[in-house]
Amino acid sequence: GSLRLSCAASGRGLDLDTVAWFRQAPGKQRE
């Protein structure tokens, strides 16, 4: 299947930020 995750910014704009996605599975390091 498929999913679409969103990362919404508040407080200020996100347009001057680079952005990355990470994940962490149980018992594993963040990837």
PDB file of all heavy atoms in Angstrom:
ATOM      1  N   GLY A   1       0.799  -1.214   0.000  1.00  0.00           N
ATOM      2  CA  GLY A   1       0.000   0.000   0.000  1.00  0.00           C
ATOM      3  C   GLY A   1       0.833   1.266   0.000  1.00  0.00           C
ATOM      4  O   GLY A   1       2.069   1.223  -0.059  1.00  0.00           O
ATOM      5  N   SER A   2       0.129   2.389   0.069  1.00  0.00           N
ATOM      6  CA  SER A   2       0.773   3.704   0.020  1.00  0.00           C
ATOM      7  C   SER A   2       0.241   4.592   1.134  1.00  0.00           C
ATOM      8  O   SER A   2      -0.892   4.415   1.611  1.00  0.00           O
ATOM      9  CB  SER A   2       0.480   4.381  -1.320  1.00  0.00           C
ATOM     10  OG  SER A   2       1.004   3.648  -2.399  1.00  0.00           O
ATOM     11  N   LEU A   3       1.080   5.523   1.526  1.00  0.00           N
ATOM     12  CA  LEU A   3       0.700   6.585   2.460  1.00  0.00           C
ATOM     13  C   LEU A   3       1.401   7.858   2.029  1.00  0.00           C
ATOM     14  O   LEU A   3       2.503   7.804   1.463  1.00  0.00           O
ATOM     15  CB  LEU A   3       1.109   6.263   3.885  1.00  0.00           C
ATOM     16  CG  LEU A   3       0.269   5.291   4.712  1.00  0.00           C
ATOM     17  CD1 LEU A   3       0.942   5.052   6.063  1.00  0.00           C
ATOM     18  CD2 LEU A   3      -1.143   5.802   4.900  1.00  0.00           C
ATOM     19  N   ARG A   4       0.796   8.980   2.335  1.00  0.00           N
ATOM     20  CA  ARG A   4       1.472  10.263   2.154  1.00  0.00           C
ATOM     21  C   ARG A   4       1.543  10.961   3.492  1.00  0.00           C
ATOM     22  O   ARG A   4       0.522  11.270   4.099  1.00  0.00           O
ATOM     23  CB  ARG A   4       0.756  11.156   1.143  1.00  0.00           C
ATOM     24  CG  ARG A   4       1.573  12.399   0.812  1.00  0.00           C
ATOM     25  CD  ARG A   4       0.946  13.280  -0.226  1.00  0.00           C
ATOM     26  NE  ARG A   4      -0.102  14.127   0.326  1.00  0.00           N
ATOM     27  CZ  ARG A   4      -0.509  15.264  -0.228  1.00  0.00           C
ATOM     28  NH1 ARG A   4       0.039  15.682  -1.356  1.00  0.00           N
ATOM     29  NH2 ARG A   4      -1.479  15.949   0.321  1.00  0.00           N
ATOM     30  N   LEU A   5       2.763  11.188   3.921  1.00  0.00           N
ATOM     31  CA  LEU A   5       2.997  11.923   5.157  1.00  0.00           C
ATOM     32  C   LEU A   5       3.146  13.409   4.854  1.00  0.00           C
ATOM     33  O   LEU A   5       3.676  13.789   3.809  1.00  0.00           O
ATOM     34  CB  LEU A   5       4.250  11.418   5.863  1.00  0.00           C
ATOM     35  CG  LEU A   5       4.317   9.920   6.158  1.00  0.00           C
ATOM     36  CD1 LEU A   5       5.605   9.608   6.924  1.00  0.00           C
ATOM     37  CD2 LEU A   5       3.100   9.446   6.905  1.00  0.00           C
ATOM     38  N   SER A   6       2.707  14.218   5.795  1.00  0.00           N
ATOM     39  CA  SER A   6       2.854  15.660   5.678  1.00  0.00           C
ATOM     40  C   SER A   6       3.648  16.192   6.864  1.00  0.00           C
ATOM     41  O   SER A   6       3.526  15.682   7.980  1.00  0.00           O
ATOM     42  CB  SER A   6       1.491  16.343   5.642  1.00  0.00           C
ATOM     43  OG  SER A   6       0.732  15.945   4.529  1.00  0.00           O
ATOM     44  N   CYS A   7       4.415  17.214   6.594  1.00  0.00           N
ATOM     45  CA  CYS A   7       5.176  17.914   7.635  1.00  0.00           C
ATOM     46  C   CYS A   7       4.802  19.385   7.509  1.00  0.00           C
ATOM     47  O   CYS A   7       5.263  20.067   6.584  1.00  0.00           O
ATOM     48  CB  CYS A   7       6.660  17.699   7.421  1.00  0.00           C
ATOM     49  SG  CYS A   7       7.732  18.684   8.491  1.00  0.00           S
ATOM     50  N   ALA A   8       3.964  19.849   8.412  1.00  0.00           N
ATOM     51  CA  ALA A   8       3.467  21.212   8.350  1.00  0.00           C
ATOM     52  C   ALA A   8       4.208  22.093   9.335  1.00  0.00           C
ATOM     53  O   ALA A   8       4.437  21.708  10.485  1.00  0.00           O
ATOM     54  CB  ALA A   8       1.972  21.227   8.658  1.00  0.00           C
ATOM     55  N   ALA A   9       4.575  23.268   8.878  1.00  0.00           N
ATOM     56  CA  ALA A   9       5.320  24.206   9.715  1.00  0.00           C
ATOM     57  C   ALA A   9       4.405  25.313  10.213  1.00  0.00           C
ATOM     58  O   ALA A   9       3.525  25.781   9.496  1.00  0.00           O
ATOM     59  CB  ALA A   9       6.471  24.802   8.930  1.00  0.00           C
ATOM     60  N   SER A  10       4.659  25.741  11.428  1.00  0.00           N
ATOM     61  CA  SER A  10       3.980  26.901  11.994  1.00  0.00           C
ATOM     62  C   SER A  10       4.998  27.713  12.779  1.00  0.00           C
ATOM     63  O   SER A  10       6.090  27.242  13.084  1.00  0.00           O
ATOM     64  CB  SER A  10       2.820  26.482  12.893  1.00  0.00           C
ATOM     65  OG  SER A  10       3.268  25.683  13.966  1.00  0.00           O
ATOM     66  N   GLY A  11       4.653  28.934  13.087  1.00  0.00           N
ATOM     67  CA  GLY A  11       5.561  29.806  13.814  1.00  0.00           C
ATOM     68  C   GLY A  11       6.332  30.730  12.895  1.00  0.00           C
ATOM     69  O   GLY A  11       6.624  31.865  13.244  1.00  0.00           O
ATOM     70  N   ARG A  12       6.721  30.225  11.772  1.00  0.00           N
ATOM     71  CA  ARG A  12       7.347  31.004  10.710  1.00  0.00           C
ATOM     72  C   ARG A  12       7.304  30.168   9.437  1.00  0.00           C
ATOM     73  O   ARG A  12       6.921  28.999   9.450  1.00  0.00           O
ATOM     74  CB  ARG A  12       8.782  31.401  11.045  1.00  0.00           C
ATOM     75  CG  ARG A  12       9.757  30.263  11.182  1.00  0.00           C
ATOM     76  CD  ARG A  12      11.187  30.798  11.162  1.00  0.00           C
ATOM     77  NE  ARG A  12      12.179  29.784  11.443  1.00  0.00           N
ATOM     78  CZ  ARG A  12      12.659  28.920  10.545  1.00  0.00           C
ATOM     79  NH1 ARG A  12      12.186  28.934   9.311  1.00  0.00           N
ATOM     80  NH2 ARG A  12      13.595  28.049  10.876  1.00  0.00           N
ATOM     81  N   GLY A  13       7.689  30.756   8.347  1.00  0.00           N
ATOM     82  CA  GLY A  13       7.660  30.036   7.090  1.00  0.00           C
ATOM     83  C   GLY A  13       8.742  28.990   6.990  1.00  0.00           C
ATOM     84  O   GLY A  13       9.760  29.041   7.683  1.00  0.00           O
ATOM     85  N   LEU A  14       8.515  28.043   6.104  1.00  0.00           N
ATOM     86  CA  LEU A  14       9.460  26.946   5.907  1.00  0.00           C
ATOM     87  C   LEU A  14      10.264  27.135   4.629  1.00  0.00           C
ATOM     88  O   LEU A  14      11.117  26.314   4.305  1.00  0.00           O
ATOM     89  CB  LEU A  14       8.667  25.634   5.833  1.00  0.00           C
ATOM     90  CG  LEU A  14       9.401  24.315   6.012  1.00  0.00           C
ATOM     91  CD1 LEU A  14      10.093  24.220   7.355  1.00  0.00           C
ATOM     92  CD2 LEU A  14       8.441  23.149   5.816  1.00  0.00           C
ATOM     93  N   ASP A  15      10.030  28.249   3.928  1.00  0.00           N
ATOM     94  CA  ASP A  15      10.576  28.382   2.584  1.00  0.00           C
ATOM     95  C   ASP A  15      12.080  28.580   2.525  1.00  0.00           C
ATOM     96  O   ASP A  15      12.677  28.460   1.451  1.00  0.00           O
ATOM     97  CB  ASP A  15       9.870  29.519   1.846  1.00  0.00           C
ATOM     98  CG  ASP A  15       9.957  30.830   2.602  1.00  0.00           C
ATOM     99  OD1 ASP A  15       9.921  30.801   3.848  1.00  0.00           O
ATOM    100  OD2 ASP A  15      10.039  31.875   1.953  1.00  0.00           O
ATOM    101  N   LEU A  16      12.716  28.863   3.662  1.00  0.00           N
ATOM    102  CA  LEU A  16      14.171  29.001   3.681  1.00  0.00           C
ATOM    103  C   LEU A  16      14.830  27.854   4.448  1.00  0.00           C
ATOM    104  O   LEU A  16      15.990  27.964   4.855  1.00  0.00           O
ATOM    105  CB  LEU A  16      14.570  30.344   4.277  1.00  0.00           C
ATOM    106  CG  LEU A  16      14.144  31.571   3.466  1.00  0.00           C
ATOM    107  CD1 LEU A  16      14.588  32.852   4.164  1.00  0.00           C
ATOM    108  CD2 LEU A  16      14.710  31.513   2.057  1.00  0.00           C
ATOM    109  N   ASP A  17      14.079  26.797   4.659  1.00  0.00           N
ATOM    110  CA  ASP A  17      14.602  25.636   5.373  1.00  0.00           C
ATOM    111  C   ASP A  17      14.736  24.447   4.430  1.00  0.00           C
ATOM    112  O   ASP A  17      13.801  24.131   3.680  1.00  0.00           O
ATOM    113  CB  ASP A  17      13.665  25.223   6.502  1.00  0.00           C
ATOM    114  CG  ASP A  17      13.696  26.175   7.676  1.00  0.00           C
ATOM    115  OD1 ASP A  17      13.380  27.363   7.490  1.00  0.00           O
ATOM    116  OD2 ASP A  17      14.067  25.728   8.768  1.00  0.00           O
ATOM    117  N   THR A  18      15.871  23.774   4.514  1.00  0.00           N
ATOM    118  CA  THR A  18      15.929  22.442   3.925  1.00  0.00           C
ATOM    119  C   THR A  18      15.217  21.502   4.888  1.00  0.00           C
ATOM    120  O   THR A  18      15.198  21.734   6.096  1.00  0.00           O
ATOM    121  CB  THR A  18      17.365  21.979   3.720  1.00  0.00           C
ATOM    122  OG1 THR A  18      17.993  21.786   4.987  1.00  0.00           O
ATOM    123  CG2 THR A  18      18.163  22.988   2.919  1.00  0.00           C
ATOM    124  N   VAL A  19      14.636  20.467   4.346  1.00  0.00           N
ATOM    125  CA  VAL A  19      13.851  19.556   5.169  1.00  0.00           C
ATOM    126  C   VAL A  19      14.223  18.121   4.830  1.00  0.00           C
ATOM    127  O   VAL A  19      14.505  17.796   3.680  1.00  0.00           O
ATOM    128  CB  VAL A  19      12.341  19.765   4.941  1.00  0.00           C
ATOM    129  CG1 VAL A  19      11.524  18.760   5.757  1.00  0.00           C
ATOM    130  CG2 VAL A  19      11.941  21.193   5.324  1.00  0.00           C
ATOM    131  N   ALA A  20      14.213  17.291   5.842  1.00  0.00           N
ATOM    132  CA  ALA A  20      14.496  15.870   5.657  1.00  0.00           C
ATOM    133  C   ALA A  20      13.470  15.042   6.422  1.00  0.00           C
ATOM    134  O   ALA A  20      12.877  15.511   7.392  1.00  0.00           O
ATOM    135  CB  ALA A  20      15.899  15.530   6.144  1.00  0.00           C
ATOM    136  N   TRP A  21      13.304  13.816   5.943  1.00  0.00           N
ATOM    137  CA  TRP A  21      12.483  12.836   6.655  1.00  0.00           C
ATOM    138  C   TRP A  21      13.395  11.751   7.210  1.00  0.00           C
ATOM    139  O   TRP A  21      14.309  11.285   6.516  1.00  0.00           O
ATOM    140  CB  TRP A  21      11.459  12.199   5.722  1.00  0.00           C
ATOM    141  CG  TRP A  21      10.275  13.058   5.428  1.00  0.00           C
ATOM    142  CD1 TRP A  21      10.101  13.882   4.353  1.00  0.00           C
ATOM    143  CD2 TRP A  21       9.091  13.175   6.206  1.00  0.00           C
ATOM    144  NE1 TRP A  21       8.884  14.504   4.433  1.00  0.00           N
ATOM    145  CE2 TRP A  21       8.240  14.085   5.563  1.00  0.00           C
ATOM    146  CE3 TRP A  21       8.658  12.588   7.404  1.00  0.00           C
ATOM    147  CZ2 TRP A  21       6.976  14.429   6.062  1.00  0.00           C
ATOM    148  CZ3 TRP A  21       7.411  12.921   7.900  1.00  0.00           C
ATOM    149  CH2 TRP A  21       6.583  13.835   7.235  1.00  0.00           C
ATOM    150  N   PHE A  22      13.109  11.361   8.433  1.00  0.00           N
ATOM    151  CA  PHE A  22      13.812  10.278   9.103  1.00  0.00           C
ATOM    152  C   PHE A  22      12.777   9.278   9.620  1.00  0.00           C
ATOM    153  O   PHE A  22      11.590   9.586   9.709  1.00  0.00           O
ATOM    154  CB  PHE A  22      14.602  10.806  10.312  1.00  0.00           C
ATOM    155  CG  PHE A  22      15.719  11.735   9.961  1.00  0.00           C
ATOM    156  CD1 PHE A  22      15.484  13.075   9.663  1.00  0.00           C
ATOM    157  CD2 PHE A  22      17.033  11.283   9.943  1.00  0.00           C
ATOM    158  CE1 PHE A  22      16.515  13.935   9.344  1.00  0.00           C
ATOM    159  CE2 PHE A  22      18.081  12.135   9.626  1.00  0.00           C
ATOM    160  CZ  PHE A  22      17.826  13.466   9.335  1.00  0.00           C
ATOM    161  N   ARG A  23      13.241   8.122   9.984  1.00  0.00           N
ATOM    162  CA  ARG A  23      12.368   7.170  10.649  1.00  0.00           C
ATOM    163  C   ARG A  23      13.172   6.385  11.685  1.00  0.00           C
ATOM    164  O   ARG A  23      14.389   6.267  11.590  1.00  0.00           O
ATOM    165  CB  ARG A  23      11.701   6.199   9.674  1.00  0.00           C
ATOM    166  CG  ARG A  23      12.639   5.192   9.039  1.00  0.00           C
ATOM    167  CD  ARG A  23      11.889   4.345   8.008  1.00  0.00           C
ATOM    168  NE  ARG A  23      12.783   3.413   7.331  1.00  0.00           N
ATOM    169  CZ  ARG A  23      12.431   2.696   6.274  1.00  0.00           C
ATOM    170  NH1 ARG A  23      11.196   2.809   5.764  1.00  0.00           N
ATOM    171  NH2 ARG A  23      13.287   1.861   5.714  1.00  0.00           N
ATOM    172  N   GLN A  24      12.438   5.873  12.659  1.00  0.00           N
ATOM    173  CA  GLN A  24      13.071   5.045  13.680  1.00  0.00           C
ATOM    174  C   GLN A  24      12.149   3.881  13.996  1.00  0.00           C
ATOM    175  O   GLN A  24      11.018   4.083  14.469  1.00  0.00           O
ATOM    176  CB  GLN A  24      13.364   5.850  14.944  1.00  0.00           C
ATOM    177  CG  GLN A  24      14.172   5.068  15.964  1.00  0.00           C
ATOM    178  CD  GLN A  24      14.751   5.962  17.039  1.00  0.00           C
ATOM    179  OE1 GLN A  24      14.280   7.073  17.287  1.00  0.00           O
ATOM    180  NE2 GLN A  24      15.807   5.486  17.681  1.00  0.00           N
ATOM    181  N   ALA A  25      12.633   2.703  13.718  1.00  0.00           N
ATOM    182  CA  ALA A  25      11.897   1.488  14.026  1.00  0.00           C
ATOM    183  C   ALA A  25      12.250   1.039  15.444  1.00  0.00           C
ATOM    184  O   ALA A  25      13.327   1.379  15.954  1.00  0.00           O
ATOM    185  CB  ALA A  25      12.235   0.398  13.020  1.00  0.00           C
ATOM    186  N   PRO A  26      11.381   0.287  16.088  1.00  0.00           N
ATOM    187  CA  PRO A  26      11.661  -0.175  17.446  1.00  0.00           C
ATOM    188  C   PRO A  26      12.990  -0.912  17.526  1.00  0.00           C
ATOM    189  O   PRO A  26      13.256  -1.819  16.723  1.00  0.00           O
ATOM    190  CB  PRO A  26      10.491  -1.116  17.748  1.00  0.00           C
ATOM    191  CG  PRO A  26       9.392  -0.632  16.885  1.00  0.00           C
ATOM    192  CD  PRO A  26      10.058  -0.135  15.630  1.00  0.00           C
ATOM    193  N   GLY A  27      13.819  -0.494  18.464  1.00  0.00           N
ATOM    194  CA  GLY A  27      15.098  -1.148  18.668  1.00  0.00           C
ATOM    195  C   GLY A  27      16.165  -0.812  17.651  1.00  0.00           C
ATOM    196  O   GLY A  27      17.251  -1.405  17.674  1.00  0.00           O
ATOM    197  N   LYS A  28      15.884   0.132  16.766  1.00  0.00           N
ATOM    198  CA  LYS A  28      16.858   0.486  15.733  1.00  0.00           C
ATOM    199  C   LYS A  28      17.220   1.958  15.824  1.00  0.00           C
ATOM    200  O   LYS A  28      16.506   2.758  16.421  1.00  0.00           O
ATOM    201  CB  LYS A  28      16.297   0.165  14.353  1.00  0.00           C
ATOM    202  CG  LYS A  28      16.084  -1.315  14.103  1.00  0.00           C
ATOM    203  CD  LYS A  28      15.714  -1.575  12.659  1.00  0.00           C
ATOM    204  CE  LYS A  28      15.579  -3.057  12.378  1.00  0.00           C
ATOM    205  NZ  LYS A  28      15.243  -3.337  10.956  1.00  0.00           N
ATOM    206  N   GLN A  29      18.322   2.305  15.189  1.00  0.00           N
ATOM    207  CA  GLN A  29      18.734   3.700  15.149  1.00  0.00           C
ATOM    208  C   GLN A  29      17.875   4.474  14.155  1.00  0.00           C
ATOM    209  O   GLN A  29      17.288   3.912  13.234  1.00  0.00           O
ATOM    210  CB  GLN A  29      20.205   3.785  14.724  1.00  0.00           C
ATOM    211  CG  GLN A  29      21.179   3.334  15.795  1.00  0.00           C
ATOM    212  CD  GLN A  29      22.611   3.650  15.425  1.00  0.00           C
ATOM    213  OE1 GLN A  29      22.987   3.662  14.251  1.00  0.00           O
ATOM    214  NE2 GLN A  29      23.435   3.913  16.425  1.00  0.00           N
ATOM    215  N   ARG A  30      17.820   5.780  14.395  1.00  0.00           N
ATOM    216  CA  ARG A  30      17.086   6.632  13.472  1.00  0.00           C
ATOM    217  C   ARG A  30      17.793   6.620  12.120  1.00  0.00           C
ATOM    218  O   ARG A  30      19.016   6.672  12.053  1.00  0.00           O
ATOM    219  CB  ARG A  30      16.992   8.050  14.028  1.00  0.00           C
ATOM    220  CG  ARG A  30      16.032   8.947  13.273  1.00  0.00           C
ATOM    221  CD  ARG A  30      15.820  10.252  13.990  1.00  0.00           C
ATOM    222  NE  ARG A  30      15.137  10.067  15.263  1.00  0.00           N
ATOM    223  CZ  ARG A  30      14.755  11.084  16.038  1.00  0.00           C
ATOM    224  NH1 ARG A  30      14.995  12.327  15.663  1.00  0.00           N
ATOM    225  NH2 ARG A  30      14.144  10.853  17.168  1.00  0.00           N
ATOM    226  N   GLU A  31      17.010   6.550  11.061  1.00  0.00           N
ATOM    227  CA  GLU A  31      17.515   6.428   9.703  1.00  0.00           C
ATOM    228  C   GLU A  31      17.037   7.601   8.858  1.00  0.00           C
ATOM    229  O   GLU A  31      15.850   7.925   8.852  1.00  0.00           O
ATOM    230  CB  GLU A  31      16.992   5.111   9.105  1.00  0.00           C
ATOM    231  CG  GLU A  31      17.287   4.890   7.660  1.00  0.00           C
ATOM    232  CD  GLU A  31      16.554   3.688   7.078  1.00  0.00           C
ATOM    233  OE1 GLU A  31      15.575   3.204   7.702  1.00  0.00           O
ATOM    234  OE2 GLU A  31      16.928   3.239   5.991  1.00  0.00           O
TER     235      GLU A  31
END
